[in-house]
Protein backbone atom coordinates (compact mmCIF):
# COMPACT_ATOMS: atom_id res chain seq x y z
CA MET A 1 42.47 -133.59 204.04
CA LYS A 2 39.90 -132.77 206.61
CA VAL A 3 41.18 -135.60 208.96
CA VAL A 4 44.72 -134.06 208.79
CA THR A 5 43.42 -130.67 209.48
CA LYS A 6 41.50 -131.95 212.50
CA ILE A 7 44.63 -133.78 213.74
CA LEU A 8 46.72 -130.70 213.42
CA LEU A 9 44.06 -128.61 215.28
CA VAL A 10 43.98 -131.12 218.07
CA ALA A 11 47.75 -131.26 218.35
CA LEU A 12 47.89 -127.38 218.35
CA VAL A 13 45.29 -127.31 221.22
CA VAL A 14 47.24 -129.90 223.19
CA ALA A 15 50.48 -128.14 222.62
CA VAL A 16 48.95 -124.76 223.86
CA LEU A 17 47.37 -126.46 226.92
CA GLY A 18 50.56 -128.30 227.64
CA GLY A 19 52.70 -125.07 227.32
CA GLY A 20 50.27 -123.19 229.60
CA ALA A 21 50.15 -125.90 232.19
CA GLY A 22 53.92 -126.11 232.07
CA ALA A 23 54.33 -122.35 232.44
CA TRP A 24 51.89 -122.53 235.37
CA TRP A 25 53.69 -125.29 237.00
CA TRP A 26 56.95 -123.57 236.66
CA GLN A 27 55.70 -120.28 238.00
CA ARG A 28 53.94 -122.12 240.89
CA ASN A 29 57.14 -123.96 241.88
CA ARG A 30 59.24 -120.92 241.42
CA ASN A 31 57.01 -118.86 243.75
CA ALA A 32 56.90 -121.77 246.24
CA ASN A 33 60.59 -122.14 246.32
CA ALA A 34 61.56 -118.47 246.24
CA ALA A 35 60.85 -116.98 249.67
CA LEU A 36 60.62 -113.27 249.17
CA PHE A 37 61.76 -111.06 252.02
CA VAL A 38 61.49 -107.48 253.00
CA THR A 39 65.06 -106.20 253.60
CA VAL A 40 66.60 -102.83 254.55
CA PRO A 41 70.32 -102.05 254.53
CA ALA A 42 72.45 -101.87 257.72
CA LYS A 43 73.79 -98.31 257.99
CA LYS A 44 76.21 -96.29 260.06
CA GLY A 45 74.77 -93.44 262.12
CA ASP A 46 74.41 -92.00 265.58
CA VAL A 47 72.45 -93.87 268.36
CA ALA A 48 71.36 -91.98 271.48
CA ALA A 49 69.92 -93.55 274.53
CA VAL A 50 67.29 -91.28 276.04
CA ILE A 51 64.80 -91.28 279.04
CA GLN A 52 61.38 -90.05 278.08
CA ALA A 53 59.03 -88.38 280.53
CA THR A 54 56.44 -85.50 280.63
CA GLY A 55 56.38 -82.35 282.69
CA THR A 56 55.05 -78.90 283.02
CA ILE A 57 56.64 -75.56 282.07
CA GLU A 58 56.99 -73.21 285.11
CA PRO A 59 58.27 -69.75 285.54
CA GLU A 60 61.78 -69.81 287.06
CA GLU A 61 60.81 -67.37 289.87
CA VAL A 62 57.19 -66.46 290.82
CA VAL A 63 56.15 -63.86 293.34
CA ASP A 64 52.73 -64.15 294.91
CA VAL A 65 51.59 -60.58 295.83
CA GLY A 66 48.95 -60.59 298.73
CA ALA A 67 47.08 -57.99 300.78
CA GLN A 68 48.13 -57.35 304.42
CA VAL A 69 44.96 -55.44 305.21
CA ALA A 70 41.22 -56.07 304.58
CA GLY A 71 39.00 -53.90 302.47
CA GLN A 72 37.30 -53.41 299.11
CA ILE A 73 39.17 -53.22 295.87
CA LEU A 74 38.54 -49.78 294.48
CA ASN A 75 40.56 -49.85 291.20
CA PHE A 76 43.62 -51.26 289.47
CA GLY A 77 46.82 -49.58 288.70
CA LYS A 78 48.26 -48.92 285.18
CA ASP A 79 50.85 -50.96 283.41
CA LYS A 80 53.79 -49.86 281.27
CA ASP A 81 51.42 -49.16 278.30
CA GLY A 82 48.84 -47.12 280.47
CA LYS A 83 46.39 -49.95 280.50
CA PRO A 84 44.66 -51.20 283.66
CA ILE A 85 46.61 -54.12 285.28
CA ASP A 86 45.49 -57.42 283.87
CA TYR A 87 46.74 -60.81 282.72
CA GLY A 88 50.09 -60.46 280.79
CA SER A 89 50.67 -56.83 281.95
CA GLN A 90 54.31 -55.81 282.09
CA VAL A 91 54.99 -54.20 285.42
CA GLU A 92 57.96 -52.47 287.11
CA ALA A 93 59.07 -52.72 290.63
CA ASP A 94 56.97 -50.37 293.00
CA MET A 95 54.41 -49.83 290.29
CA VAL A 96 50.84 -49.60 291.74
CA LEU A 97 48.78 -52.77 291.03
CA ALA A 98 45.52 -52.07 293.01
CA GLN A 99 44.04 -49.69 295.48
CA ILE A 100 42.13 -50.92 298.52
CA ASP A 101 39.52 -48.75 300.26
CA ASP A 102 41.56 -46.89 303.01
CA SER A 103 38.77 -44.87 304.77
CA LEU A 104 38.93 -46.86 307.96
CA TYR A 105 42.65 -46.78 308.00
CA THR A 106 42.76 -43.05 307.39
CA ALA A 107 40.44 -42.60 310.43
CA ASP A 108 42.77 -44.92 312.52
CA ALA A 109 45.73 -42.87 311.52
CA ALA A 110 43.94 -39.60 312.48
CA THR A 111 43.09 -41.08 315.92
CA ALA A 112 46.64 -42.28 316.60
CA ALA A 113 47.91 -38.83 315.67
CA ALA A 114 45.44 -37.24 318.18
CA GLN A 115 46.47 -39.66 320.85
CA ARG A 116 50.10 -38.64 320.40
CA GLN A 117 49.14 -34.97 320.63
CA GLN A 118 47.46 -35.84 323.92
CA ALA A 119 50.51 -37.68 325.21
CA LEU A 120 52.59 -34.73 324.35
CA ALA A 121 50.28 -32.44 326.39
CA GLN A 122 50.35 -34.81 329.28
CA LEU A 123 54.20 -34.63 329.21
CA ALA A 124 54.05 -30.82 329.27
CA SER A 125 51.68 -30.92 332.28
CA ALA A 126 53.88 -33.32 334.08
CA GLN A 127 56.93 -31.22 333.50
CA ALA A 128 55.08 -28.09 334.87
CA ASN A 129 53.94 -30.04 337.88
CA LEU A 130 57.36 -31.22 338.50
CA GLU A 131 58.72 -27.68 338.51
CA GLN A 132 56.07 -26.65 340.88
CA GLY A 133 56.79 -29.50 343.13
CA LYS A 134 60.51 -28.61 343.08
CA ALA A 135 59.78 -25.09 344.04
CA LYS A 136 57.61 -26.25 347.02
CA PHE A 137 60.39 -28.65 347.98
CA ARG A 138 63.00 -25.95 348.19
CA GLN A 139 60.71 -23.78 350.43
CA ALA A 140 60.04 -26.65 352.68
CA GLU A 141 63.58 -27.55 352.86
CA ARG A 142 64.63 -24.09 354.05
CA ASP A 143 61.80 -24.04 356.65
CA TRP A 144 62.84 -27.48 357.91
CA GLN A 145 66.54 -26.36 358.12
CA ARG A 146 65.55 -23.41 360.31
CA ALA A 147 63.26 -25.46 362.56
CA GLN A 148 66.16 -27.89 363.03
CA LYS A 149 68.36 -24.93 364.32
CA LEU A 150 65.75 -23.87 366.79
CA GLY A 151 64.59 -27.24 367.81
CA PRO A 152 61.52 -27.77 370.10
CA SER A 153 61.72 -24.99 372.69
CA ASP A 154 59.91 -21.97 374.06
CA ALA A 155 60.51 -20.24 370.69
CA LEU A 156 59.17 -23.17 368.60
CA ALA A 157 56.44 -25.45 369.78
CA GLN A 158 56.78 -29.15 369.25
CA ASN A 159 53.73 -29.33 366.91
CA VAL A 160 55.10 -26.55 364.69
CA PHE A 161 58.46 -28.39 364.53
CA ASP A 162 56.66 -31.57 363.46
CA ALA A 163 54.70 -29.60 360.92
CA TYR A 164 57.88 -28.28 359.14
CA GLN A 165 59.27 -31.81 359.09
CA GLY A 166 56.02 -33.24 357.59
CA THR A 167 55.90 -30.48 354.88
CA PHE A 168 59.50 -31.08 353.93
CA GLU A 169 58.97 -34.84 353.47
CA ALA A 170 55.72 -34.34 351.55
CA ALA A 171 57.31 -31.81 349.19
CA GLN A 172 60.23 -34.36 348.67
CA ALA A 173 57.75 -37.08 347.71
CA ASP A 174 55.90 -34.76 345.34
CA VAL A 175 59.17 -34.22 343.49
CA ALA A 176 59.54 -37.98 342.94
CA ALA A 177 56.03 -38.23 341.87
CA GLY A 178 56.47 -35.51 339.39
CA GLU A 179 59.54 -37.21 337.95
CA ALA A 180 57.46 -40.47 337.65
CA ALA A 181 54.75 -38.63 335.98
CA ILE A 182 57.17 -37.38 333.23
CA LEU A 183 58.39 -40.86 332.61
CA GLN A 184 54.90 -42.08 332.20
CA ALA A 185 54.04 -39.30 329.73
CA ARG A 186 57.10 -40.11 327.80
CA GLY A 187 56.08 -43.72 327.63
CA LEU A 188 52.67 -42.70 326.42
CA ILE A 189 54.27 -40.67 323.61
CA ALA A 190 56.39 -43.62 322.57
CA GLN A 191 53.29 -45.83 322.56
CA SER A 192 51.36 -43.22 320.51
CA ASP A 193 54.32 -42.85 318.06
CA ALA A 194 54.12 -46.65 317.49
CA ALA A 195 50.41 -46.41 316.94
CA VAL A 196 51.04 -43.78 314.44
CA GLN A 197 53.49 -45.66 312.62
CA ARG A 198 51.33 -48.79 312.51
CA THR A 199 48.42 -46.87 311.17
CA LYS A 200 50.49 -45.24 308.61
CA ARG A 201 51.92 -48.56 307.58
CA ASN A 202 48.41 -50.01 307.32
CA LEU A 203 47.33 -46.88 305.29
CA GLY A 204 50.18 -47.65 302.95
CA TYR A 205 49.26 -51.27 302.62
CA CYS A 206 46.06 -50.09 301.10
CA VAL A 207 48.11 -49.33 297.91
CA ILE A 208 49.34 -52.74 296.47
CA LYS A 209 52.63 -52.29 294.57
CA SER A 210 54.67 -54.74 292.72
CA PRO A 211 57.65 -55.89 294.54
CA VAL A 212 59.67 -56.87 291.29
CA LYS A 213 59.80 -56.34 287.68
CA GLY A 214 57.95 -58.96 285.78
CA VAL A 215 54.71 -60.18 284.10
CA ILE A 216 51.26 -60.68 285.59
CA ILE A 217 50.40 -64.31 284.99
CA ASP A 218 47.44 -64.35 287.22
CA ARG A 219 45.00 -61.73 288.56
CA ARG A 220 42.85 -63.23 291.34
CA VAL A 221 40.60 -60.23 292.35
CA ASN A 222 38.11 -58.01 290.65
CA ILE A 223 37.08 -54.42 291.36
CA GLY A 224 34.48 -54.34 294.10
CA GLN A 225 35.72 -57.50 295.68
CA THR A 226 36.48 -57.44 299.32
CA VAL A 227 39.67 -59.03 300.50
CA VAL A 228 39.90 -60.25 304.14
CA SER A 229 43.32 -60.53 305.68
CA SER A 230 43.50 -63.12 308.47
CA LEU A 231 46.15 -65.54 309.41
CA ASN A 232 47.14 -66.05 305.75
CA ALA A 233 47.41 -63.00 303.39
CA PRO A 234 44.96 -63.35 300.50
CA SER A 235 46.61 -63.61 297.14
CA LEU A 236 45.88 -60.89 294.67
CA PHE A 237 48.40 -61.21 291.80
CA LEU A 238 50.88 -63.81 290.63
CA ILE A 239 53.96 -62.17 288.94
CA ALA A 240 56.63 -64.03 287.02
CA LYS A 241 59.89 -62.31 287.56
CA ASP A 242 61.53 -63.31 284.25
CA LEU A 243 59.99 -65.39 281.52
CA THR A 244 63.16 -65.35 279.42
CA ARG A 245 64.32 -68.17 281.62
CA ILE A 246 61.90 -70.98 282.41
CA GLN A 247 61.94 -74.33 284.25
CA VAL A 248 60.30 -77.67 283.25
CA TRP A 249 59.19 -79.76 286.17
CA ILE A 250 59.42 -83.36 285.07
CA ALA A 251 58.24 -86.42 286.89
CA VAL A 252 60.81 -89.20 286.38
CA ASN A 253 60.15 -92.75 287.35
CA GLU A 254 62.39 -94.24 290.16
CA ALA A 255 63.77 -96.83 287.81
CA ASP A 256 65.28 -93.98 285.63
CA ILE A 257 66.23 -91.46 288.29
CA GLY A 258 69.72 -92.92 288.70
CA SER A 259 70.63 -91.85 285.26
CA ILE A 260 69.67 -88.19 285.75
CA LYS A 261 72.47 -85.84 286.79
CA PRO A 262 72.67 -82.08 287.10
CA GLY A 263 73.94 -80.44 283.85
CA GLN A 264 72.64 -83.26 281.74
CA PRO A 265 71.26 -82.12 278.30
CA VAL A 266 67.61 -82.35 277.75
CA THR A 267 65.37 -81.76 274.70
CA PHE A 268 61.72 -81.23 274.87
CA THR A 269 58.70 -80.34 272.71
CA VAL A 270 55.26 -78.88 273.32
CA ASP A 271 52.10 -79.46 271.52
CA ALA A 272 51.69 -75.77 270.91
CA PHE A 273 54.65 -75.71 268.61
CA PRO A 274 54.76 -79.10 266.83
CA GLY A 275 57.92 -79.96 265.13
CA GLN A 276 60.02 -77.51 267.13
CA VAL A 277 62.58 -78.87 269.49
CA PHE A 278 63.75 -76.91 272.60
CA LYS A 279 66.99 -77.52 274.49
CA GLY A 280 67.62 -77.26 278.30
CA GLU A 281 69.70 -79.06 280.93
CA VAL A 282 68.96 -80.52 284.26
CA GLY A 283 69.05 -78.07 287.10
CA LYS A 284 68.32 -80.23 290.16
CA VAL A 285 66.66 -83.44 291.26
CA ARG A 286 64.20 -82.82 294.13
CA LEU A 287 64.39 -85.47 296.83
CA ASN A 288 60.72 -85.36 297.93
CA ALA A 289 59.46 -88.22 295.91
CA THR A 290 55.65 -88.72 295.37
CA MET A 291 53.91 -92.15 295.18
CA THR A 292 50.75 -92.41 292.94
CA GLN A 293 49.21 -95.89 292.54
CA ASN A 294 52.36 -97.56 293.98
CA VAL A 295 54.53 -95.69 291.47
CA VAL A 296 57.37 -93.51 292.86
CA THR A 297 58.42 -90.55 290.91
CA TYR A 298 60.82 -87.82 291.44
CA THR A 299 60.55 -84.22 290.20
CA VAL A 300 63.47 -83.03 288.08
CA GLU A 301 63.91 -79.40 287.31
CA VAL A 302 65.12 -78.66 283.88
CA VAL A 303 66.26 -75.08 283.07
CA ALA A 304 66.04 -73.49 279.62
CA ASN A 305 66.21 -70.23 277.90
CA ASN A 306 63.12 -68.56 276.47
CA PRO A 307 64.39 -65.38 275.02
CA ASP A 308 61.42 -64.62 272.80
CA GLY A 309 58.87 -65.56 275.46
CA LYS A 310 57.33 -68.22 273.10
CA LEU A 311 57.15 -70.96 275.80
CA LEU A 312 54.12 -70.05 278.07
CA PRO A 313 53.78 -71.07 281.70
CA TYR A 314 52.07 -74.43 282.44
CA LEU A 315 52.39 -75.90 278.92
CA THR A 316 52.85 -79.63 278.85
CA ALA A 317 56.33 -80.70 277.77
CA ASN A 318 57.45 -84.08 276.37
CA ALA A 319 61.05 -84.45 277.45
CA LYS A 320 64.02 -86.58 276.51
CA PHE A 321 67.00 -86.87 278.73
CA LEU A 322 70.18 -87.81 276.82
CA VAL A 323 71.82 -90.57 278.79
CA ASP A 324 74.54 -91.69 276.34
CA LYS A 325 75.25 -91.32 272.62
CA HIS A 326 77.40 -93.28 270.24
CA GLU A 327 78.38 -91.74 266.95
CA ASN A 328 79.09 -93.29 263.55
CA VAL A 329 78.28 -96.88 264.52
CA LEU A 330 76.72 -99.70 262.62
CA THR A 331 72.99 -99.94 263.08
CA VAL A 332 70.12 -102.20 262.09
CA PRO A 333 66.28 -101.74 262.58
CA ASN A 334 64.95 -103.20 265.82
CA ALA A 335 62.55 -105.20 263.57
CA ALA A 336 65.53 -107.19 262.14
CA LEU A 337 66.58 -108.26 265.60
CA ARG A 338 63.02 -109.44 266.35
CA TRP A 339 62.32 -111.24 263.15
CA THR A 340 62.59 -115.05 263.09
CA PRO A 341 62.08 -117.23 260.08
CA LEU A 342 60.25 -120.54 259.73
CA PRO A 343 62.36 -123.62 259.58
CA ALA A 344 61.61 -124.11 255.88
CA GLN A 345 62.89 -120.54 255.22
CA ILE A 346 66.28 -121.12 256.81
CA ALA A 347 69.16 -122.09 254.53
CA PRO A 348 69.68 -125.99 254.66
CA ASP A 349 73.25 -125.84 255.85
CA ALA A 350 72.34 -123.34 258.66
CA ARG A 351 69.32 -125.02 259.95
CA GLU A 352 71.09 -127.29 262.41
CA ALA A 353 73.11 -124.45 263.79
CA ALA A 354 69.98 -122.24 263.98
CA ALA A 355 68.14 -124.99 265.88
CA ALA A 356 71.07 -125.37 268.23
CA GLY A 357 71.11 -121.68 268.83
CA GLY A 358 67.36 -121.72 269.69
CA ARG A 359 67.83 -124.55 272.08
CA ARG A 360 70.58 -122.75 273.92
CA GLY A 361 68.38 -119.67 273.93
CA ARG A 362 65.48 -121.47 275.50
CA SER A 363 67.58 -123.43 278.09
CA GLY A 364 69.72 -120.42 279.06
CA GLY A 365 72.89 -122.07 277.77
CA GLY A 366 75.80 -120.28 276.40
CA LYS A 367 77.13 -116.98 277.37
CA PRO A 368 74.52 -114.30 277.55
CA ALA A 369 76.94 -111.39 276.92
CA GLU A 370 80.42 -110.81 275.52
CA ALA A 371 83.05 -108.22 276.19
CA GLY A 372 82.67 -104.99 274.53
CA GLY A 373 86.08 -105.14 272.75
CA GLU A 374 89.48 -104.33 273.36
CA SER A 375 88.69 -100.77 274.56
CA GLY A 376 87.21 -102.26 277.73
CA GLY A 377 83.72 -101.02 276.97
CA PRO A 378 80.50 -102.43 278.62
CA ALA A 379 79.42 -105.95 277.93
CA LEU A 380 77.12 -106.42 274.81
CA ALA A 381 74.33 -108.76 274.59
CA ARG A 382 74.19 -111.34 271.88
CA GLY A 383 71.59 -111.18 268.99
CA THR A 384 70.91 -112.38 265.55
CA VAL A 385 69.87 -110.86 262.23
CA TRP A 386 69.01 -112.62 258.98
CA ILE A 387 70.25 -111.91 255.60
CA GLN A 388 68.91 -113.28 252.30
CA ASP A 389 70.76 -116.21 250.69
CA GLY A 390 68.93 -116.92 247.46
CA ALA A 391 65.51 -118.23 248.36
CA TYR A 392 66.53 -118.65 252.02
CA ALA A 393 67.41 -116.75 255.12
CA ARG A 394 70.89 -117.11 256.69
CA PRO A 395 71.62 -116.06 260.42
CA VAL A 396 74.38 -113.60 261.33
CA ARG A 397 75.42 -113.66 264.95
CA LEU A 398 76.40 -110.40 266.35
CA ARG A 399 76.61 -108.30 269.54
CA VAL A 400 73.88 -105.81 270.44
CA GLY A 401 74.58 -102.40 271.88
CA MET A 402 72.76 -99.25 272.49
CA SER A 403 69.12 -98.61 271.10
CA ASP A 404 67.12 -95.49 270.54
CA GLY A 405 63.77 -97.53 270.24
CA ALA A 406 63.95 -97.48 266.29
CA VAL A 407 67.49 -98.69 265.52
CA THR A 408 70.02 -100.63 267.53
CA GLU A 409 73.92 -100.51 267.46
CA VAL A 410 75.48 -103.86 266.48
CA VAL A 411 79.01 -105.15 266.41
CA SER A 412 79.89 -108.04 264.06
CA ASP A 413 82.78 -108.89 261.73
CA LYS A 414 80.32 -110.72 259.42
CA LEU A 415 77.97 -107.64 258.76
CA ALA A 416 79.08 -104.71 256.93
CA GLU A 417 77.51 -101.31 255.97
CA ASN A 418 74.73 -101.58 253.45
CA THR A 419 74.26 -105.23 253.89
CA GLU A 420 70.59 -106.04 253.41
CA VAL A 421 69.02 -107.51 256.64
CA ILE A 422 65.55 -109.14 256.80
CA ILE A 423 62.82 -107.44 258.75
CA ALA A 424 59.77 -109.41 257.28
CA ALA A 425 58.68 -112.05 255.01
CA ALA A 426 57.01 -110.48 251.97
CA ARG A 427 55.35 -113.82 250.89
CA PRO A 428 55.12 -116.94 253.08
CA ALA A 429 57.19 -119.89 251.78
CA GLY A 430 55.34 -123.05 250.83
CA GLY A 431 51.97 -121.54 251.77
CA GLY A 432 52.94 -121.12 255.44
CA THR A 433 53.26 -117.89 257.45
CA GLY A 434 56.58 -116.11 257.91
CA GLY A 435 57.76 -115.86 261.46
CA GLY A 436 57.98 -112.61 263.34
CA GLY A 437 56.57 -110.17 260.65
CA GLY A 438 55.51 -112.23 257.61
CA ALA A 439 52.03 -110.90 258.00
CA ALA A 440 53.35 -107.43 258.28
CA GLY A 441 55.12 -107.79 254.87
CA ALA A 442 52.34 -109.62 253.16
CA GLY A 443 51.70 -107.96 249.71
CA ALA A 444 54.94 -106.13 249.69
CA ALA A 445 56.13 -108.20 246.81
CA GLY A 446 54.30 -107.57 243.67
CA GLY A 447 52.04 -104.76 245.29
CA GLU A 448 49.10 -107.07 246.05
CA THR A 449 47.21 -107.75 249.08
CA VAL A 450 46.08 -111.24 250.14
CA ASN A 451 43.19 -111.79 252.52
CA PRO A 452 44.51 -114.45 255.02
CA PHE A 453 40.86 -115.48 256.06
CA ALA A 454 39.71 -116.24 252.45
CA PRO A 455 39.43 -120.02 251.50
CA LYS A 456 42.15 -121.42 249.30
CA LEU A 457 41.13 -121.97 245.71
CA PRO A 458 42.71 -124.64 243.42
CA PHE A 459 46.15 -124.09 241.90
CA GLY A 460 47.16 -121.92 244.95
CA GLY A 461 44.80 -119.13 244.13
CA GLY A 462 43.01 -117.11 246.76
CA ARG A 463 40.19 -114.62 247.07
CA ARG A 464 41.56 -111.08 246.71
């Protein structure tokens, strides 16, 4: 009886061990033969081709207010709220911004006014002298006429005759000199008038006024500072005329500038307001290109509305120029077009065709592009995506269109919407590594992570 019991126990142990070994062998072979893939469905949606670049937000119109006279800044004016002019002050046209010391210019104005009075006095004196000269001239003229009637004779000696003639001619010359003196006095008056106007203008320049309505975005002087006006007027204030309209100056690479046109829609973001997208359009493309480290860029002016004044001058903008947009087209992730399986992962009946296609791709054989369809659209490049066929991957040839960097438009009669396309190998088949993304998908199946650098243990195990 004991022998039978021992035999039964041994048989039971052998059966359990055999069943476990069989289960392990079945599981191992199932995992080895079933190549698990990471897939995503092909979907219909919109694809937009954009050009990305960075730029700086600038006021649409900026006025640089300078000083035309030299002197010390005495004080600042008041803004609309009654506060001293400072950064961000709202100003109106002809509002006083600053006052420059005008003591020297006041003295110059007084001197010019005194010189004008002196010129007026000289004119009056010249006019009186002229009248006096004219009176003497009339008297000399009458004496000379009488002397001519008598002539040199016993009644009028020759020397007396000559004296009358000389007196007449001298009086005539005095009248001409008096008239010239009047012209000179009038010239001095005109000169003094110009001096008065100049000194009054300089005196007025001591009061710095705003030429436009706007916002002070930069104040470059302080009270007590002396400004010196030379060949270039010193800048005191920078006024943005209207911050409800802004520009974005964007540097675009020469390779992309051909796709930029006036009126083209643009979206941009700023780090100050994450997640918020602002809209604008291309205003103009400046032709004065710049070269930095052998890279040629053009400045593109993008105009945008800023009704609430949220966008501040000189913020950095990340812009996207919309070049083209296709709506409601079939798209696949770019990873699906990049992923390539190992030969062992390809369906047996498709391996020869896949190898032939690979040889054509390496040798440049075959057509690189096909027509875009009956609509006469642009030529589309060829591409391949892979779909899961049981434990294998099967290729699907298609034509590749526009891409936005994440997904790509595809055209194929063999690929429908919601068809699962492979983007990575979740677990390498036969202990190998999946091509083009197998490592990226490792651990996706079963939620486990395998260390690829750990030594292999018996029965396909590994250090985890």
